[in-house]
C-alpha atoms as a PDB file:
ATOM      1  CA  MET A   1       2.793   8.232   9.363  1.00  0.00           C
ATOM      2  CA  ASP A   2       2.214   9.518  13.169  1.00  0.00           C
ATOM      3  CA  ALA A   3       4.502  12.702  12.649  1.00  0.00           C
ATOM      4  CA  ILE A   4       2.697  13.395   9.336  1.00  0.00           C
ATOM      5  CA  GLN A   5      -0.830  12.887  10.775  1.00  0.00           C
ATOM      6  CA  LYS A   6       0.469  14.920  14.112  1.00  0.00           C
ATOM      7  CA  ILE A   7       1.405  18.024  11.906  1.00  0.00           C
ATOM      8  CA  SER A   8      -1.970  17.821   9.675  1.00  0.00           C
ATOM      9  CA  GLY A   9      -4.086  17.861  12.708  1.00  0.00           C
ATOM     10  CA  ARG A  10      -1.789  21.155  13.930  1.00  0.00           C
ATOM     11  CA  ILE A  11      -2.543  22.281  10.507  1.00  0.00           C
ATOM     12  CA  GLY A  12      -6.051  22.247  10.987  1.00  0.00           C
ATOM     13  CA  ARG A  13      -5.811  23.656  14.513  1.00  0.00           C
ATOM     14  CA  VAL A  14      -4.101  26.588  13.414  1.00  0.00           C
ATOM     15  CA  THR A  15      -6.265  27.738  10.606  1.00  0.00           C
ATOM     16  CA  GLY A  16      -9.722  25.747  11.292  1.00  0.00           C
ATOM     17  CA  HIS A  17      -9.286  24.182   7.785  1.00  0.00           C
ATOM     18  CA  GLY A  18      -8.638  21.326   6.489  1.00  0.00           C
ATOM     19  CA  ILE A  19      -5.401  20.152   4.379  1.00  0.00           C
ATOM     20  CA  ALA A  20      -7.913  20.475   0.842  1.00  0.00           C
ATOM     21  CA  GLY A  21      -9.328  23.687   2.697  1.00  0.00           C
ATOM     22  CA  ASN A  22      -5.864  25.019   2.771  1.00  0.00           C
ATOM     23  CA  VAL A  23      -4.654  23.938  -0.166  1.00  0.00           C
ATOM     24  CA  CYS A  24      -7.131  25.235  -2.528  1.00  0.00           C
ATOM     25  CA  ARG A  25      -6.869  28.679  -0.504  1.00  0.00           C
ATOM     26  CA  ASN A  26      -3.165  28.767  -1.294  1.00  0.00           C
ATOM     27  CA  PHE A  27      -2.774  27.233  -5.035  1.00  0.00           C
ATOM     28  CA  LEU A  28      -4.363  27.442  -8.530  1.00  0.00           C
ATOM     29  CA  ALA A  29      -6.777  24.723  -9.716  1.00  0.00           C
ATOM     30  CA  PRO A  30      -4.042  23.427 -12.817  1.00  0.00           C
ATOM     31  CA  PHE A  31      -1.665  23.015  -9.711  1.00  0.00           C
ATOM     32  CA  ILE A  32      -4.023  21.258  -7.990  1.00  0.00           C
ATOM     33  CA  TRP A  33      -5.785  19.164 -10.535  1.00  0.00           C
ATOM     34  CA  THR A  34      -2.323  18.025 -11.861  1.00  0.00           C
ATOM     35  CA  ARG A  35      -1.491  16.588  -8.511  1.00  0.00           C
ATOM     36  CA  VAL A  36      -4.987  14.840  -8.093  1.00  0.00           C
ATOM     37  CA  THR A  37      -4.543  13.392 -11.421  1.00  0.00           C
ATOM     38  CA  LEU A  38      -0.725  11.821 -10.176  1.00  0.00           C
ATOM     39  CA  LEU A  39      -2.339  10.606  -7.135  1.00  0.00           C
ATOM     40  CA  LEU A  40      -5.061   9.135  -8.994  1.00  0.00           C
ATOM     41  CA  VAL A  41      -2.202   7.424 -10.950  1.00  0.00           C
ATOM     42  CA  ALA A  42      -0.255   6.435  -8.061  1.00  0.00           C
ATOM     43  CA  ASN A  43      -3.106   5.021  -5.989  1.00  0.00           C
ATOM     44  CA  THR A  44      -4.131   2.978  -9.476  1.00  0.00           C
ATOM     45  CA  ILE A  45      -0.487   1.585  -9.462  1.00  0.00           C
ATOM     46  CA  ASN A  46      -0.663   0.920  -5.528  1.00  0.00           C
ATOM     47  CA  ILE A  47      -4.146  -1.039  -5.933  1.00  0.00           C
ATOM     48  CA  ALA A  48      -2.942  -2.903  -9.021  1.00  0.00           C
ATOM     49  CA  ALA A  49       0.189  -3.816  -6.978  1.00  0.00           C
ATOM     50  CA  ASP A  50      -1.650  -4.887  -4.076  1.00  0.00           C
ATOM     51  CA  LEU A  51      -3.927  -6.781  -6.164  1.00  0.00           C
ATOM     52  CA  GLY A  52      -1.270  -8.644  -8.075  1.00  0.00           C
ATOM     53  CA  ALA A  53       0.448  -9.332  -4.618  1.00  0.00           C
ATOM     54  CA  ILE A  54      -2.794 -11.045  -3.072  1.00  0.00           C
ATOM     55  CA  THR A  55      -3.227 -12.919  -6.455  1.00  0.00           C
ATOM     56  CA  ASP A  56       0.312 -14.579  -6.523  1.00  0.00           C
ATOM     57  CA  SER A  57      -0.507 -15.102  -2.769  1.00  0.00           C
ATOM     58  CA  ILE A  58      -3.285 -17.377  -3.587  1.00  0.00           C
ATOM     59  CA  LYS A  59      -1.974 -18.763  -6.576  1.00  0.00           C
ATOM     60  CA  LEU A  60       0.860 -20.189  -4.578  1.00  0.00           C
ATOM     61  CA  LEU A  61      -1.646 -21.583  -2.295  1.00  0.00           C
ATOM     62  CA  ILE A  62      -3.997 -23.345  -4.345  1.00  0.00           C
ATOM     63  CA  GLY A  63      -3.211 -22.852  -7.989  1.00  0.00           C
ATOM     64  CA  GLY A  64      -5.063 -21.828 -10.521  1.00  0.00           C
ATOM     65  CA  TRP A  65      -5.477 -18.590 -13.210  1.00  0.00           C
ATOM     66  CA  SER A  66      -4.520 -15.101 -11.840  1.00  0.00           C
ATOM     67  CA  PRO A  67      -6.925 -13.259 -13.949  1.00  0.00           C
ATOM     68  CA  ILE A  68      -9.925 -15.265 -12.475  1.00  0.00           C
ATOM     69  CA  TYR A  69      -8.439 -14.198  -8.579  1.00  0.00           C
ATOM     70  CA  VAL A  70      -7.838 -10.749  -9.223  1.00  0.00           C
ATOM     71  CA  VAL A  71     -11.726  -9.976 -10.381  1.00  0.00           C
ATOM     72  CA  ILE A  72     -12.983 -12.439  -7.532  1.00  0.00           C
ATOM     73  CA  TYR A  73     -10.732 -10.748  -5.015  1.00  0.00           C
ATOM     74  CA  ALA A  74     -11.745  -7.025  -6.302  1.00  0.00           C
ATOM     75  CA  VAL A  75     -15.475  -7.967  -6.487  1.00  0.00           C
ATOM     76  CA  GLY A  76     -15.265  -9.399  -3.189  1.00  0.00           C
ATOM     77  CA  SER A  77     -13.359  -6.359  -1.613  1.00  0.00           C
ATOM     78  CA  VAL A  78     -15.805  -3.224  -3.437  1.00  0.00           C
ATOM     79  CA  THR A  79     -18.871  -5.405  -2.428  1.00  0.00           C
ATOM     80  CA  ALA A  80     -17.789  -5.502   1.309  1.00  0.00           C
ATOM     81  CA  GLN A  81     -16.915  -1.730   1.593  1.00  0.00           C
ATOM     82  CA  ILE A  82     -20.530  -1.001  -0.105  1.00  0.00           C
ATOM     83  CA  PHE A  83     -23.006  -3.498   1.675  1.00  0.00           C
ATOM     84  CA  PHE A  84     -21.244  -4.145   5.192  1.00  0.00           C
ATOM     85  CA  SER A  85     -21.761  -1.533   7.565  1.00  0.00           C
ATOM     86  CA  TYR A  86     -18.583   0.077   8.920  1.00  0.00           C
ATOM     87  CA  LYS A  87     -18.529  -1.599  12.588  1.00  0.00           C
ATOM     88  CA  ARG A  88     -18.838  -4.907  11.054  1.00  0.00           C
ATOM     89  CA  TYR A  89     -16.005  -4.226   8.123  1.00  0.00           C
ATOM     90  CA  VAL A  90     -13.538  -2.749  10.847  1.00  0.00           C
ATOM     91  CA  ALA A  91     -13.948  -5.885  12.673  1.00  0.00           C
ATOM     92  CA  ILE A  92     -13.514  -8.274   9.818  1.00  0.00           C
ATOM     93  CA  LEU A  93      -9.999  -5.766   8.648  1.00  0.00           C
ATOM     94  CA  LYS A  94      -8.833  -6.194  12.360  1.00  0.00           C
ATOM     95  CA  TRP A  95      -9.207 -10.014  12.371  1.00  0.00           C
ATOM     96  CA  LEU A  96      -7.266 -10.269   8.954  1.00  0.00           C
ATOM     97  CA  THR A  97      -4.970  -7.724  10.141  1.00  0.00           C
ATOM     98  CA  LEU A  98      -4.255 -10.823  13.094  1.00  0.00           C
ATOM     99  CA  VAL A  99      -3.062 -13.012  10.230  1.00  0.00           C
ATOM    100  CA  LEU A 100      -0.008 -10.755   9.557  1.00  0.00           C
ATOM    101  CA  PHE A 101       1.310 -12.668  12.923  1.00  0.00           C
ATOM    102  CA  ALA A 102       1.721 -15.364  10.395  1.00  0.00           C
ATOM    103  CA  TYR A 103       4.984 -14.106   9.403  1.00  0.00           C
ATOM    104  CA  VAL A 104       6.776 -13.617  12.612  1.00  0.00           C
ATOM    105  CA  ILE A 105       5.267 -17.344  13.310  1.00  0.00           C
ATOM    106  CA  ALA A 106       7.044 -18.107  10.182  1.00  0.00           C
ATOM    107  CA  LEU A 107       9.666 -16.629  11.059  1.00  0.00           C
ATOM    108  CA  ALA A 108       9.950 -18.448  14.284  1.00  0.00           C
ATOM    109  CA  ILE A 109       9.596 -22.160  12.553  1.00  0.00           C
ATOM    110  CA  VAL A 110      11.916 -21.589   9.493  1.00  0.00           C
ATOM    111  CA  HIS A 111      15.411 -22.140  10.182  1.00  0.00           C
ATOM    112  CA  VAL A 112      17.370 -18.308   8.864  1.00  0.00           C
ATOM    113  CA  PRO A 113      20.779 -17.918   8.340  1.00  0.00           C
ATOM    114  CA  TRP A 114      20.893 -14.705  10.148  1.00  0.00           C
ATOM    115  CA  GLY A 115      24.667 -14.196   9.579  1.00  0.00           C
ATOM    116  CA  GLU A 116      23.530 -14.337   5.691  1.00  0.00           C
ATOM    117  CA  ALA A 117      20.410 -12.219   6.222  1.00  0.00           C
ATOM    118  CA  LEU A 118      22.448  -9.424   7.971  1.00  0.00           C
ATOM    119  CA  ARG A 119      25.317  -9.209   5.326  1.00  0.00           C
ATOM    120  CA  GLY A 120      22.641  -9.075   2.722  1.00  0.00           C
ATOM    121  CA  LEU A 121      21.018  -6.147   4.322  1.00  0.00           C
ATOM    122  CA  LEU A 122      24.353  -4.512   4.950  1.00  0.00           C
ATOM    123  CA  ILE A 123      25.814  -5.211   1.853  1.00  0.00           C
ATOM    124  CA  PRO A 124      23.029  -5.489  -1.103  1.00  0.00           C
ATOM    125  CA  LYS A 125      23.459  -7.632  -4.172  1.00  0.00           C
ATOM    126  CA  SER A 126      23.273  -6.586  -7.546  1.00  0.00           C
ATOM    127  CA  ASN A 127      21.501  -9.321 -10.025  1.00  0.00           C
ATOM    128  CA  ALA A 128      21.386  -7.037 -12.766  1.00  0.00           C
ATOM    129  CA  ARG A 129      23.066  -9.268 -15.054  1.00  0.00           C
ATOM    130  CA  TRP A 130      20.755 -12.254 -13.845  1.00  0.00           C
ATOM    131  CA  MET A 131      17.478  -9.668 -14.665  1.00  0.00           C
ATOM    132  CA  VAL A 132      18.859  -8.646 -18.135  1.00  0.00           C
ATOM    133  CA  VAL A 133      19.830 -12.842 -19.435  1.00  0.00           C
ATOM    134  CA  THR A 134      16.329 -13.473 -17.643  1.00  0.00           C
ATOM    135  CA  GLY A 135      14.085 -11.248 -18.940  1.00  0.00           C
ATOM    136  CA  ARG A 136      12.815 -10.411 -15.355  1.00  0.00           C
ATOM    137  CA  HIS A 137      13.649  -6.675 -15.275  1.00  0.00           C
ATOM    138  CA  ARG A 138      10.082  -5.817 -15.480  1.00  0.00           C
ATOM    139  CA  SER A 139       8.942  -7.608 -12.451  1.00  0.00           C
ATOM    140  CA  SER A 140      11.626  -6.361 -10.708  1.00  0.00           C
ATOM    141  CA  LEU A 141      11.073  -3.013 -11.537  1.00  0.00           C
ATOM    142  CA  ALA A 142       7.393  -3.054 -11.144  1.00  0.00           C
ATOM    143  CA  ARG A 143       8.418  -4.557  -7.247  1.00  0.00           C
ATOM    144  CA  VAL A 144      10.292  -1.128  -6.330  1.00  0.00           C
ATOM    145  CA  ILE A 145       7.842   1.191  -8.125  1.00  0.00           C
ATOM    146  CA  SER A 146       4.979  -0.392  -6.167  1.00  0.00           C
ATOM    147  CA  HIS A 147       6.585  -0.304  -2.631  1.00  0.00           C
ATOM    148  CA  PRO A 148       8.091   3.388  -2.108  1.00  0.00           C
ATOM    149  CA  PRO A 149       7.099   5.158   1.075  1.00  0.00           C
ATOM    150  CA  ARG A 150       2.959   6.084   0.678  1.00  0.00           C
ATOM    151  CA  ARG A 151      -0.305   6.496   1.939  1.00  0.00           C
ATOM    152  CA  VAL A 152       0.511  10.289   2.907  1.00  0.00           C
ATOM    153  CA  PHE A 153      -2.598  12.040   1.432  1.00  0.00           C
ATOM    154  CA  ASP A 154      -4.953   8.656   2.692  1.00  0.00           C
ATOM    155  CA  PRO A 155      -8.166  10.215   4.221  1.00  0.00           C
ATOM    156  CA  PRO A 156      -6.942  10.042   7.723  1.00  0.00           C
ATOM    157  CA  PHE A 157      -4.750  12.764   7.715  1.00  0.00           C
ATOM    158  CA  PHE A 158      -7.243  14.957   5.634  1.00  0.00           C
ATOM    159  CA  LEU A 159      -9.963  14.061   8.699  1.00  0.00           C
ATOM    160  CA  GLN A 160      -7.296  15.145  11.453  1.00  0.00           C
ATOM    161  CA  ALA A 161      -6.695  18.210   9.721  1.00  0.00           C
ATOM    162  CA  ALA A 162     -10.232  18.717   9.615  1.00  0.00           C
ATOM    163  CA  ARG A 163     -11.349  17.758  13.204  1.00  0.00           C
END
């Protein structure tokens, strides 16, 4: 991501225009609208995957009905973005980011069979037969689709090029 951000900044410095301005100057409208539509679909799927992951985490902690958690989290997130000042919202997100260190703490506390973990990293197992028998191929496919490298067209890159 750092390399993409640096390239975006250099494009802006050399041309005097941001990425969006350069794209509009060099491509026809149908090409741009096709890419914008594909980006909208990809971001919608990404947001749905994120909401699903958050909902599943909440459900694991306290149980309950998943759809209501999706609605509560989505409405809460949008409400915070609209009504909180930017400074306050950033402060909240910074503290929530610290919660991610719980993964590191859990790794330190839980016994991990490192030999098996490294073996699984180098020689992945295929659970294709298990997925077909149990009918879990859809959720596994959704996991694969929802976690590719993304965020290349996020606003920071456009802002970096425009500065």
